[in-house]
Amino acid sequence: MFNVSWINLSRFTPLGVREEHIYVLLIAIGIITSYLVVQPFITWFVAKRSAKLLSYIISSLLVIISCFIVVLFIGDFHHLRVHLLKITLQTLAVFGVVLILFYSYRRLMKTN
């Protein structure tokens, strides 16, 4: 696992706290922080009726999660994992730009 040497675990040992508990706490803090940061944006997107943007964000998240699952099962091929992740992120960025251009063009043609 990761190194949590910046936390002196010997102080928490009498309380029964192990290294796994520290990881759970750090992950929980990360989840709560992510939720608090993302929630206002999602509320704003819903208020603005930005279903296309929310669809892009959710589909991108699913693709990235799928990529990480594939990377998890690849094993020792570090170069392949990095390359796969790089290609996935680049493809998602290009897809986002294409969506922006497509819907901007559509909106421009609709107003004329």
PDB file of N, CA and C in Angstrom:
ATOM      1  N   MET A   1       0.835  -1.175   0.000  1.00  0.00           N
ATOM      2  CA  MET A   1       0.000   0.000   0.000  1.00  0.00           C
ATOM      3  C   MET A   1       0.886   1.246   0.000  1.00  0.00           C
ATOM      4  N   PHE A   2       0.283   2.373   0.245  1.00  0.00           N
ATOM      5  CA  PHE A   2       1.010   3.621   0.254  1.00  0.00           C
ATOM      6  C   PHE A   2       1.723   3.821   1.566  1.00  0.00           C
ATOM      7  N   ASN A   3       2.658   4.733   1.576  1.00  0.00           N
ATOM      8  CA  ASN A   3       3.435   5.011   2.770  1.00  0.00           C
ATOM      9  C   ASN A   3       2.791   6.180   3.510  1.00  0.00           C
ATOM     10  N   VAL A   4       2.386   5.948   4.729  1.00  0.00           N
ATOM     11  CA  VAL A   4       1.818   7.013   5.547  1.00  0.00           C
ATOM     12  C   VAL A   4       2.796   7.358   6.662  1.00  0.00           C
ATOM     13  N   SER A   5       4.064   7.499   6.304  1.00  0.00           N
ATOM     14  CA  SER A   5       5.090   7.756   7.306  1.00  0.00           C
ATOM     15  C   SER A   5       4.957   9.142   7.929  1.00  0.00           C
ATOM     16  N   TRP A   6       4.228  10.031   7.306  1.00  0.00           N
ATOM     17  CA  TRP A   6       4.039  11.369   7.862  1.00  0.00           C
ATOM     18  C   TRP A   6       3.074  11.347   9.043  1.00  0.00           C
ATOM     19  N   ILE A   7       2.434  10.190   9.281  1.00  0.00           N
ATOM     20  CA  ILE A   7       1.565  10.018  10.447  1.00  0.00           C
ATOM     21  C   ILE A   7       2.272   9.055  11.397  1.00  0.00           C
ATOM     22  N   ASN A   8       2.453   9.462  12.631  1.00  0.00           N
ATOM     23  CA  ASN A   8       3.104   8.620  13.623  1.00  0.00           C
ATOM     24  C   ASN A   8       2.086   7.614  14.154  1.00  0.00           C
ATOM     25  N   LEU A   9       2.090   6.418  13.570  1.00  0.00           N
ATOM     26  CA  LEU A   9       1.104   5.392  13.920  1.00  0.00           C
ATOM     27  C   LEU A   9       1.288   4.844  15.328  1.00  0.00           C
ATOM     28  N   SER A  10       2.498   4.959  15.879  1.00  0.00           N
ATOM     29  CA  SER A  10       2.739   4.403  17.214  1.00  0.00           C
ATOM     30  C   SER A  10       1.897   5.103  18.276  1.00  0.00           C
ATOM     31  N   ARG A  11       1.506   6.338  18.031  1.00  0.00           N
ATOM     32  CA  ARG A  11       0.661   7.053  18.988  1.00  0.00           C
ATOM     33  C   ARG A  11      -0.768   6.505  19.001  1.00  0.00           C
ATOM     34  N   PHE A  12      -1.190   5.935  17.887  1.00  0.00           N
ATOM     35  CA  PHE A  12      -2.562   5.447  17.769  1.00  0.00           C
ATOM     36  C   PHE A  12      -2.694   3.951  18.031  1.00  0.00           C
ATOM     37  N   THR A  13      -1.591   3.255  18.137  1.00  0.00           N
ATOM     38  CA  THR A  13      -1.606   1.805  18.344  1.00  0.00           C
ATOM     39  C   THR A  13      -2.362   1.405  19.613  1.00  0.00           C
ATOM     40  N   PRO A  14      -2.170   2.085  20.757  1.00  0.00           N
ATOM     41  CA  PRO A  14      -2.938   1.692  21.950  1.00  0.00           C
ATOM     42  C   PRO A  14      -4.452   1.817  21.764  1.00  0.00           C
ATOM     43  N   LEU A  15      -4.872   2.651  20.831  1.00  0.00           N
ATOM     44  CA  LEU A  15      -6.302   2.809  20.576  1.00  0.00           C
ATOM     45  C   LEU A  15      -6.832   1.760  19.610  1.00  0.00           C
ATOM     46  N   GLY A  16      -5.944   0.940  19.066  1.00  0.00           N
ATOM     47  CA  GLY A  16      -6.355  -0.101  18.131  1.00  0.00           C
ATOM     48  C   GLY A  16      -6.410   0.377  16.685  1.00  0.00           C
ATOM     49  N   VAL A  17      -5.827   1.529  16.414  1.00  0.00           N
ATOM     50  CA  VAL A  17      -5.837   2.081  15.057  1.00  0.00           C
ATOM     51  C   VAL A  17      -4.678   1.463  14.276  1.00  0.00           C
ATOM     52  N   ARG A  18      -5.024   0.875  13.131  1.00  0.00           N
ATOM     53  CA  ARG A  18      -4.007   0.293  12.255  1.00  0.00           C
ATOM     54  C   ARG A  18      -3.863   1.157  11.012  1.00  0.00           C
ATOM     55  N   GLU A  19      -2.924   0.791  10.180  1.00  0.00           N
ATOM     56  CA  GLU A  19      -2.655   1.548   8.951  1.00  0.00           C
ATOM     57  C   GLU A  19      -3.880   1.567   8.030  1.00  0.00           C
ATOM     58  N   GLU A  20      -4.623   0.467   7.983  1.00  0.00           N
ATOM     59  CA  GLU A  20      -5.817   0.402   7.147  1.00  0.00           C
ATOM     60  C   GLU A  20      -6.861   1.434   7.572  1.00  0.00           C
ATOM     61  N   HIS A  21      -6.945   1.675   8.871  1.00  0.00           N
ATOM     62  CA  HIS A  21      -7.899   2.670   9.366  1.00  0.00           C
ATOM     63  C   HIS A  21      -7.534   4.072   8.873  1.00  0.00           C
ATOM     64  N   ILE A  22      -6.251   4.348   8.813  1.00  0.00           N
ATOM     65  CA  ILE A  22      -5.790   5.649   8.308  1.00  0.00           C
ATOM     66  C   ILE A  22      -6.176   5.793   6.837  1.00  0.00           C
ATOM     67  N   TYR A  23      -6.011   4.723   6.051  1.00  0.00           N
ATOM     68  CA  TYR A  23      -6.395   4.765   4.639  1.00  0.00           C
ATOM     69  C   TYR A  23      -7.892   5.000   4.484  1.00  0.00           C
ATOM     70  N   VAL A  24      -8.690   4.315   5.292  1.00  0.00           N
ATOM     71  CA  VAL A  24     -10.146   4.500   5.236  1.00  0.00           C
ATOM     72  C   VAL A  24     -10.489   5.950   5.563  1.00  0.00           C
ATOM     73  N   LEU A  25      -9.862   6.510   6.574  1.00  0.00           N
ATOM     74  CA  LEU A  25     -10.112   7.892   6.960  1.00  0.00           C
ATOM     75  C   LEU A  25      -9.717   8.864   5.832  1.00  0.00           C
ATOM     76  N   LEU A  26      -8.549   8.655   5.237  1.00  0.00           N
ATOM     77  CA  LEU A  26      -8.096   9.532   4.148  1.00  0.00           C
ATOM     78  C   LEU A  26      -9.012   9.431   2.929  1.00  0.00           C
ATOM     79  N   ILE A  27      -9.448   8.225   2.604  1.00  0.00           N
ATOM     80  CA  ILE A  27     -10.359   8.044   1.468  1.00  0.00           C
ATOM     81  C   ILE A  27     -11.703   8.690   1.761  1.00  0.00           C
ATOM     82  N   ALA A  28     -12.197   8.539   2.988  1.00  0.00           N
ATOM     83  CA  ALA A  28     -13.468   9.163   3.366  1.00  0.00           C
ATOM     84  C   ALA A  28     -13.370  10.684   3.284  1.00  0.00           C
ATOM     85  N   ILE A  29     -12.273  11.253   3.738  1.00  0.00           N
ATOM     86  CA  ILE A  29     -12.065  12.699   3.635  1.00  0.00           C
ATOM     87  C   ILE A  29     -12.034  13.118   2.172  1.00  0.00           C
ATOM     88  N   GLY A  30     -11.378  12.329   1.324  1.00  0.00           N
ATOM     89  CA  GLY A  30     -11.339  12.627  -0.110  1.00  0.00           C
ATOM     90  C   GLY A  30     -12.719  12.576  -0.748  1.00  0.00           C
ATOM     91  N   ILE A  31     -13.508  11.584  -0.381  1.00  0.00           N
ATOM     92  CA  ILE A  31     -14.862  11.455  -0.932  1.00  0.00           C
ATOM     93  C   ILE A  31     -15.732  12.633  -0.489  1.00  0.00           C
ATOM     94  N   ILE A  32     -15.675  12.972   0.782  1.00  0.00           N
ATOM     95  CA  ILE A  32     -16.478  14.091   1.293  1.00  0.00           C
ATOM     96  C   ILE A  32     -16.052  15.398   0.631  1.00  0.00           C
ATOM     97  N   THR A  33     -14.753  15.618   0.501  1.00  0.00           N
ATOM     98  CA  THR A  33     -14.259  16.832  -0.144  1.00  0.00           C
ATOM     99  C   THR A  33     -14.694  16.884  -1.604  1.00  0.00           C
ATOM    100  N   SER A  34     -14.564  15.782  -2.311  1.00  0.00           N
ATOM    101  CA  SER A  34     -14.998  15.732  -3.710  1.00  0.00           C
ATOM    102  C   SER A  34     -16.483  16.038  -3.832  1.00  0.00           C
ATOM    103  N   TYR A  35     -17.274  15.465  -2.951  1.00  0.00           N
ATOM    104  CA  TYR A  35     -18.712  15.698  -2.977  1.00  0.00           C
ATOM    105  C   TYR A  35     -19.021  17.178  -2.755  1.00  0.00           C
ATOM    106  N   LEU A  36     -18.380  17.767  -1.769  1.00  0.00           N
ATOM    107  CA  LEU A  36     -18.648  19.175  -1.451  1.00  0.00           C
ATOM    108  C   LEU A  36     -18.185  20.114  -2.565  1.00  0.00           C
ATOM    109  N   VAL A  37     -17.144  19.727  -3.298  1.00  0.00           N
ATOM    110  CA  VAL A  37     -16.662  20.547  -4.405  1.00  0.00           C
ATOM    111  C   VAL A  37     -17.543  20.369  -5.635  1.00  0.00           C
ATOM    112  N   VAL A  38     -17.958  19.144  -5.931  1.00  0.00           N
ATOM    113  CA  VAL A  38     -18.701  18.846  -7.157  1.00  0.00           C
ATOM    114  C   VAL A  38     -20.181  19.208  -7.043  1.00  0.00           C
ATOM    115  N   GLN A  39     -20.765  19.080  -5.872  1.00  0.00           N
ATOM    116  CA  GLN A  39     -22.196  19.266  -5.695  1.00  0.00           C
ATOM    117  C   GLN A  39     -22.709  20.623  -6.168  1.00  0.00           C
ATOM    118  N   PRO A  40     -22.058  21.746  -5.877  1.00  0.00           N
ATOM    119  CA  PRO A  40     -22.559  23.025  -6.402  1.00  0.00           C
ATOM    120  C   PRO A  40     -22.531  23.095  -7.936  1.00  0.00           C
ATOM    121  N   PHE A  41     -21.519  22.497  -8.548  1.00  0.00           N
ATOM    122  CA  PHE A  41     -21.452  22.485 -10.009  1.00  0.00           C
ATOM    123  C   PHE A  41     -22.608  21.679 -10.601  1.00  0.00           C
ATOM    124  N   ILE A  42     -22.890  20.528 -10.029  1.00  0.00           N
ATOM    125  CA  ILE A  42     -23.980  19.694 -10.519  1.00  0.00           C
ATOM    126  C   ILE A  42     -25.309  20.428 -10.359  1.00  0.00           C
ATOM    127  N   THR A  43     -25.502  21.074  -9.221  1.00  0.00           N
ATOM    128  CA  THR A  43     -26.726  21.853  -9.004  1.00  0.00           C
ATOM    129  C   THR A  43     -26.849  22.951 -10.054  1.00  0.00           C
ATOM    130  N   TRP A  44     -25.749  23.608 -10.352  1.00  0.00           N
ATOM    131  CA  TRP A  44     -25.757  24.672 -11.356  1.00  0.00           C
ATOM    132  C   TRP A  44     -26.065  24.113 -12.742  1.00  0.00           C
ATOM    133  N   PHE A  45     -25.438  22.965 -13.081  1.00  0.00           N
ATOM    134  CA  PHE A  45     -25.693  22.348 -14.390  1.00  0.00           C
ATOM    135  C   PHE A  45     -27.160  21.962 -14.534  1.00  0.00           C
ATOM    136  N   VAL A  46     -27.744  21.425 -13.465  1.00  0.00           N
ATOM    137  CA  VAL A  46     -29.146  21.033 -13.510  1.00  0.00           C
ATOM    138  C   VAL A  46     -30.027  22.276 -13.645  1.00  0.00           C
ATOM    139  N   ALA A  47     -29.695  23.332 -12.920  1.00  0.00           N
ATOM    140  CA  ALA A  47     -30.476  24.571 -13.008  1.00  0.00           C
ATOM    141  C   ALA A  47     -30.395  25.177 -14.414  1.00  0.00           C
ATOM    142  N   LYS A  48     -29.242  25.035 -15.047  1.00  0.00           N
ATOM    143  CA  LYS A  48     -29.061  25.550 -16.407  1.00  0.00           C
ATOM    144  C   LYS A  48     -29.540  24.561 -17.468  1.00  0.00           C
ATOM    145  N   ARG A  49     -30.018  23.414 -17.030  1.00  0.00           N
ATOM    146  CA  ARG A  49     -30.493  22.353 -17.929  1.00  0.00           C
ATOM    147  C   ARG A  49     -29.404  21.929 -18.922  1.00  0.00           C
ATOM    148  N   SER A  50     -28.252  21.670 -18.382  1.00  0.00           N
ATOM    149  CA  SER A  50     -27.107  21.248 -19.193  1.00  0.00           C
ATOM    150  C   SER A  50     -27.003  19.728 -19.205  1.00  0.00           C
ATOM    151  N   ALA A  51     -28.004  19.089 -19.742  1.00  0.00           N
ATOM    152  CA  ALA A  51     -28.032  17.623 -19.767  1.00  0.00           C
ATOM    153  C   ALA A  51     -26.898  17.065 -20.616  1.00  0.00           C
ATOM    154  N   LYS A  52     -26.555  17.744 -21.694  1.00  0.00           N
ATOM    155  CA  LYS A  52     -25.475  17.260 -22.560  1.00  0.00           C
ATOM    156  C   LYS A  52     -24.142  17.264 -21.825  1.00  0.00           C
ATOM    157  N   LEU A  53     -23.882  18.333 -21.083  1.00  0.00           N
ATOM    158  CA  LEU A  53     -22.634  18.410 -20.323  1.00  0.00           C
ATOM    159  C   LEU A  53     -22.594  17.349 -19.230  1.00  0.00           C
ATOM    160  N   LEU A  54     -23.694  17.169 -18.516  1.00  0.00           N
ATOM    161  CA  LEU A  54     -23.739  16.130 -17.491  1.00  0.00           C
ATOM    162  C   LEU A  54     -23.569  14.743 -18.098  1.00  0.00           C
ATOM    163  N   SER A  55     -24.162  14.514 -19.267  1.00  0.00           N
ATOM    164  CA  SER A  55     -23.995  13.227 -19.949  1.00  0.00           C
ATOM    165  C   SER A  55     -22.539  12.999 -20.320  1.00  0.00           C
ATOM    166  N   TYR A  56     -21.873  14.049 -20.802  1.00  0.00           N
ATOM    167  CA  TYR A  56     -20.456  13.935 -21.153  1.00  0.00           C
ATOM    168  C   TYR A  56     -19.616  13.633 -19.913  1.00  0.00           C
ATOM    169  N   ILE A  57     -19.890  14.321 -18.826  1.00  0.00           N
ATOM    170  CA  ILE A  57     -19.112  14.114 -17.599  1.00  0.00           C
ATOM    171  C   ILE A  57     -19.307  12.692 -17.074  1.00  0.00           C
ATOM    172  N   ILE A  58     -20.536  12.224 -17.032  1.00  0.00           N
ATOM    173  CA  ILE A  58     -20.807  10.875 -16.519  1.00  0.00           C
ATOM    174  C   ILE A  58     -20.216   9.811 -17.448  1.00  0.00           C
ATOM    175  N   SER A  59     -20.376   9.986 -18.766  1.00  0.00           N
ATOM    176  CA  SER A  59     -19.811   8.998 -19.692  1.00  0.00           C
ATOM    177  C   SER A  59     -18.289   9.002 -19.614  1.00  0.00           C
ATOM    178  N   SER A  60     -17.681  10.171 -19.447  1.00  0.00           N
ATOM    179  CA  SER A  60     -16.227  10.240 -19.285  1.00  0.00           C
ATOM    180  C   SER A  60     -15.787   9.522 -18.021  1.00  0.00           C
ATOM    181  N   LEU A  61     -16.535   9.726 -16.953  1.00  0.00           N
ATOM    182  CA  LEU A  61     -16.221   9.047 -15.700  1.00  0.00           C
ATOM    183  C   LEU A  61     -16.303   7.533 -15.858  1.00  0.00           C
ATOM    184  N   LEU A  62     -17.335   7.057 -16.542  1.00  0.00           N
ATOM    185  CA  LEU A  62     -17.470   5.611 -16.763  1.00  0.00           C
ATOM    186  C   LEU A  62     -16.327   5.063 -17.617  1.00  0.00           C
ATOM    187  N   VAL A  63     -15.905   5.823 -18.623  1.00  0.00           N
ATOM    188  CA  VAL A  63     -14.789   5.376 -19.470  1.00  0.00           C
ATOM    189  C   VAL A  63     -13.493   5.334 -18.663  1.00  0.00           C
ATOM    190  N   ILE A  64     -13.262   6.347 -17.856  1.00  0.00           N
ATOM    191  CA  ILE A  64     -12.036   6.368 -17.044  1.00  0.00           C
ATOM    192  C   ILE A  64     -12.044   5.228 -16.035  1.00  0.00           C
ATOM    193  N   ILE A  65     -13.181   4.975 -15.405  1.00  0.00           N
ATOM    194  CA  ILE A  65     -13.278   3.856 -14.466  1.00  0.00           C
ATOM    195  C   ILE A  65     -13.031   2.538 -15.190  1.00  0.00           C
ATOM    196  N   SER A  66     -13.609   2.383 -16.386  1.00  0.00           N
ATOM    197  CA  SER A  66     -13.368   1.177 -17.181  1.00  0.00           C
ATOM    198  C   SER A  66     -11.898   1.031 -17.518  1.00  0.00           C
ATOM    199  N   CYS A  67     -11.268   2.137 -17.857  1.00  0.00           N
ATOM    200  CA  CYS A  67      -9.832   2.110 -18.168  1.00  0.00           C
ATOM    201  C   CYS A  67      -9.033   1.652 -16.949  1.00  0.00           C
ATOM    202  N   PHE A  68      -9.364   2.183 -15.778  1.00  0.00           N
ATOM    203  CA  PHE A  68      -8.658   1.771 -14.569  1.00  0.00           C
ATOM    204  C   PHE A  68      -8.896   0.302 -14.241  1.00  0.00           C
ATOM    205  N   ILE A  69     -10.082  -0.206 -14.513  1.00  0.00           N
ATOM    206  CA  ILE A  69     -10.356  -1.629 -14.285  1.00  0.00           C
ATOM    207  C   ILE A  69      -9.506  -2.477 -15.224  1.00  0.00           C
ATOM    208  N   VAL A  70      -9.423  -2.065 -16.486  1.00  0.00           N
ATOM    209  CA  VAL A  70      -8.577  -2.798 -17.442  1.00  0.00           C
ATOM    210  C   VAL A  70      -7.122  -2.738 -16.994  1.00  0.00           C
ATOM    211  N   VAL A  71      -6.672  -1.563 -16.569  1.00  0.00           N
ATOM    212  CA  VAL A  71      -5.297  -1.398 -16.100  1.00  0.00           C
ATOM    213  C   VAL A  71      -5.037  -2.283 -14.888  1.00  0.00           C
ATOM    214  N   LEU A  72      -6.028  -2.420 -14.029  1.00  0.00           N
ATOM    215  CA  LEU A  72      -5.888  -3.249 -12.840  1.00  0.00           C
ATOM    216  C   LEU A  72      -5.610  -4.708 -13.218  1.00  0.00           C
ATOM    217  N   PHE A  73      -6.246  -5.178 -14.294  1.00  0.00           N
ATOM    218  CA  PHE A  73      -6.092  -6.572 -14.694  1.00  0.00           C
ATOM    219  C   PHE A  73      -4.935  -6.812 -15.649  1.00  0.00           C
ATOM    220  N   ILE A  74      -4.318  -5.761 -16.159  1.00  0.00           N
ATOM    221  CA  ILE A  74      -3.200  -5.944 -17.097  1.00  0.00           C
ATOM    222  C   ILE A  74      -1.999  -6.539 -16.391  1.00  0.00           C
ATOM    223  N   GLY A  75      -1.692  -6.060 -15.200  1.00  0.00           N
ATOM    224  CA  GLY A  75      -0.578  -6.638 -14.461  1.00  0.00           C
ATOM    225  C   GLY A  75       0.678  -5.813 -14.542  1.00  0.00           C
ATOM    226  N   ASP A  76       1.782  -6.432 -15.004  1.00  0.00           N
ATOM    227  CA  ASP A  76       3.103  -5.825 -14.929  1.00  0.00           C
ATOM    228  C   ASP A  76       3.478  -4.968 -16.128  1.00  0.00           C
ATOM    229  N   PHE A  77       2.602  -4.708 -17.009  1.00  0.00           N
ATOM    230  CA  PHE A  77       2.926  -3.944 -18.212  1.00  0.00           C
ATOM    231  C   PHE A  77       2.755  -2.453 -17.934  1.00  0.00           C
ATOM    232  N   HIS A  78       3.705  -1.880 -17.199  1.00  0.00           N
ATOM    233  CA  HIS A  78       3.606  -0.479 -16.785  1.00  0.00           C
ATOM    234  C   HIS A  78       3.498   0.451 -17.982  1.00  0.00           C
ATOM    235  N   HIS A  79       4.313   0.241 -18.999  1.00  0.00           N
ATOM    236  CA  HIS A  79       4.295   1.113 -20.180  1.00  0.00           C
ATOM    237  C   HIS A  79       2.936   1.052 -20.873  1.00  0.00           C
ATOM    238  N   LEU A  80       2.364  -0.138 -20.982  1.00  0.00           N
ATOM    239  CA  LEU A  80       1.056  -0.293 -21.618  1.00  0.00           C
ATOM    240  C   LEU A  80      -0.030   0.399 -20.806  1.00  0.00           C
ATOM    241  N   ARG A  81       0.045   0.310 -19.486  1.00  0.00           N
ATOM    242  CA  ARG A  81      -0.949   0.961 -18.633  1.00  0.00           C
ATOM    243  C   ARG A  81      -0.909   2.472 -18.803  1.00  0.00           C
ATOM    244  N   VAL A  82       0.284   3.039 -18.776  1.00  0.00           N
ATOM    245  CA  VAL A  82       0.422   4.489 -18.927  1.00  0.00           C
ATOM    246  C   VAL A  82      -0.054   4.914 -20.309  1.00  0.00           C
ATOM    247  N   HIS A  83       0.304   4.136 -21.324  1.00  0.00           N
ATOM    248  CA  HIS A  83      -0.095   4.450 -22.698  1.00  0.00           C
ATOM    249  C   HIS A  83      -1.614   4.372 -22.855  1.00  0.00           C
ATOM    250  N   LEU A  84      -2.238   3.358 -22.283  1.00  0.00           N
ATOM    251  CA  LEU A  84      -3.690   3.210 -22.352  1.00  0.00           C
ATOM    252  C   LEU A  84      -4.395   4.365 -21.660  1.00  0.00           C
ATOM    253  N   LEU A  85      -3.912   4.758 -20.498  1.00  0.00           N
ATOM    254  CA  LEU A  85      -4.506   5.875 -19.776  1.00  0.00           C
ATOM    255  C   LEU A  85      -4.337   7.178 -20.559  1.00  0.00           C
ATOM    256  N   LYS A  86      -3.168   7.379 -21.131  1.00  0.00           N
ATOM    257  CA  LYS A  86      -2.901   8.583 -21.926  1.00  0.00           C
ATOM    258  C   LYS A  86      -3.851   8.658 -23.124  1.00  0.00           C
ATOM    259  N   ILE A  87      -4.002   7.554 -23.829  1.00  0.00           N
ATOM    260  CA  ILE A  87      -4.892   7.522 -25.004  1.00  0.00           C
ATOM    261  C   ILE A  87      -6.346   7.765 -24.571  1.00  0.00           C
ATOM    262  N   THR A  88      -6.750   7.170 -23.458  1.00  0.00           N
ATOM    263  CA  THR A  88      -8.125   7.348 -22.982  1.00  0.00           C
ATOM    264  C   THR A  88      -8.400   8.813 -22.668  1.00  0.00           C
ATOM    265  N   LEU A  89      -7.502   9.465 -21.943  1.00  0.00           N
ATOM    266  CA  LEU A  89      -7.705  10.869 -21.587  1.00  0.00           C
ATOM    267  C   LEU A  89      -7.683  11.778 -22.817  1.00  0.00           C
ATOM    268  N   GLN A  90      -6.782  11.496 -23.761  1.00  0.00           N
ATOM    269  CA  GLN A  90      -6.726  12.299 -24.987  1.00  0.00           C
ATOM    270  C   GLN A  90      -8.002  12.123 -25.812  1.00  0.00           C
ATOM    271  N   THR A  91      -8.492  10.894 -25.902  1.00  0.00           N
ATOM    272  CA  THR A  91      -9.714  10.635 -26.661  1.00  0.00           C
ATOM    273  C   THR A  91     -10.908  11.335 -26.021  1.00  0.00           C
ATOM    274  N   LEU A  92     -10.992  11.307 -24.703  1.00  0.00           N
ATOM    275  CA  LEU A  92     -12.079  12.007 -24.017  1.00  0.00           C
ATOM    276  C   LEU A  92     -11.999  13.516 -24.243  1.00  0.00           C
ATOM    277  N   ALA A  93     -10.797  14.067 -24.261  1.00  0.00           N
ATOM    278  CA  ALA A  93     -10.636  15.503 -24.516  1.00  0.00           C
ATOM    279  C   ALA A  93     -11.075  15.855 -25.935  1.00  0.00           C
ATOM    280  N   VAL A  94     -10.658  15.051 -26.910  1.00  0.00           N
ATOM    281  CA  VAL A  94     -11.064  15.297 -28.295  1.00  0.00           C
ATOM    282  C   VAL A  94     -12.572  15.168 -28.442  1.00  0.00           C
ATOM    283  N   PHE A  95     -13.150  14.166 -27.803  1.00  0.00           N
ATOM    284  CA  PHE A  95     -14.595  13.981 -27.851  1.00  0.00           C
ATOM    285  C   PHE A  95     -15.315  15.205 -27.271  1.00  0.00           C
ATOM    286  N   GLY A  96     -14.806  15.744 -26.161  1.00  0.00           N
ATOM    287  CA  GLY A  96     -15.384  16.943 -25.569  1.00  0.00           C
ATOM    288  C   GLY A  96     -15.313  18.142 -26.501  1.00  0.00           C
ATOM    289  N   VAL A  97     -14.185  18.309 -27.166  1.00  0.00           N
ATOM    290  CA  VAL A  97     -14.039  19.417 -28.118  1.00  0.00           C
ATOM    291  C   VAL A  97     -14.999  19.235 -29.290  1.00  0.00           C
ATOM    292  N   VAL A  98     -15.132  18.019 -29.792  1.00  0.00           N
ATOM    293  CA  VAL A  98     -16.060  17.755 -30.897  1.00  0.00           C
ATOM    294  C   VAL A  98     -17.493  18.069 -30.470  1.00  0.00           C
ATOM    295  N   LEU A  99     -17.871  17.684 -29.256  1.00  0.00           N
ATOM    296  CA  LEU A  99     -19.212  18.007 -28.767  1.00  0.00           C
ATOM    297  C   LEU A  99     -19.425  19.518 -28.679  1.00  0.00           C
ATOM    298  N   ILE A 100     -18.441  20.229 -28.186  1.00  0.00           N
ATOM    299  CA  ILE A 100     -18.552  21.688 -28.088  1.00  0.00           C
ATOM    300  C   ILE A 100     -18.723  22.300 -29.468  1.00  0.00           C
ATOM    301  N   LEU A 101     -17.905  21.875 -30.421  1.00  0.00           N
ATOM    302  CA  LEU A 101     -18.002  22.419 -31.776  1.00  0.00           C
ATOM    303  C   LEU A 101     -19.331  22.068 -32.426  1.00  0.00           C
ATOM    304  N   PHE A 102     -19.766  20.835 -32.259  1.00  0.00           N
ATOM    305  CA  PHE A 102     -21.018  20.388 -32.874  1.00  0.00           C
ATOM    306  C   PHE A 102     -22.210  21.179 -32.344  1.00  0.00           C
ATOM    307  N   TYR A 103     -22.317  21.274 -31.010  1.00  0.00           N
ATOM    308  CA  TYR A 103     -23.466  21.974 -30.445  1.00  0.00           C
ATOM    309  C   TYR A 103     -23.368  23.485 -30.625  1.00  0.00           C
ATOM    310  N   SER A 104     -22.179  24.036 -30.696  1.00  0.00           N
ATOM    311  CA  SER A 104     -22.026  25.459 -31.007  1.00  0.00           C
ATOM    312  C   SER A 104     -22.471  25.737 -32.431  1.00  0.00           C
ATOM    313  N   TYR A 105     -22.084  24.878 -33.365  1.00  0.00           N
ATOM    314  CA  TYR A 105     -22.497  25.027 -34.761  1.00  0.00           C
ATOM    315  C   TYR A 105     -24.013  24.899 -34.883  1.00  0.00           C
ATOM    316  N   ARG A 106     -24.572  23.921 -34.183  1.00  0.00           N
ATOM    317  CA  ARG A 106     -26.024  23.729 -34.213  1.00  0.00           C
ATOM    318  C   ARG A 106     -26.777  24.936 -33.658  1.00  0.00           C
ATOM    319  N   ARG A 107     -26.267  25.480 -32.568  1.00  0.00           N
ATOM    320  CA  ARG A 107     -26.898  26.661 -31.977  1.00  0.00           C
ATOM    321  C   ARG A 107     -26.762  27.862 -32.906  1.00  0.00           C
ATOM    322  N   LEU A 108     -25.610  28.000 -33.546  1.00  0.00           N
ATOM    323  CA  LEU A 108     -25.370  29.111 -34.472  1.00  0.00           C
ATOM    324  C   LEU A 108     -26.319  29.014 -35.672  1.00  0.00           C
ATOM    325  N   MET A 109     -26.505  27.814 -36.192  1.00  0.00           N
ATOM    326  CA  MET A 109     -27.407  27.639 -37.330  1.00  0.00           C
ATOM    327  C   MET A 109     -28.865  27.802 -36.941  1.00  0.00           C
ATOM    328  N   LYS A 110     -29.202  27.483 -35.708  1.00  0.00           N
ATOM    329  CA  LYS A 110     -30.583  27.603 -35.233  1.00  0.00           C
ATOM    330  C   LYS A 110     -30.980  29.070 -35.082  1.00  0.00           C
ATOM    331  N   THR A 111     -30.040  29.932 -34.692  1.00  0.00           N
ATOM    332  CA  THR A 111     -30.339  31.344 -34.490  1.00  0.00           C
ATOM    333  C   THR A 111     -30.467  32.097 -35.813  1.00  0.00           C
ATOM    334  N   ASN A 112     -29.891  31.573 -36.874  1.00  0.00           N
ATOM    335  CA  ASN A 112     -29.971  32.245 -38.176  1.00  0.00           C
ATOM    336  C   ASN A 112     -31.175  31.838 -38.957  1.00  0.00           C
TER     337      ASN A 112
END
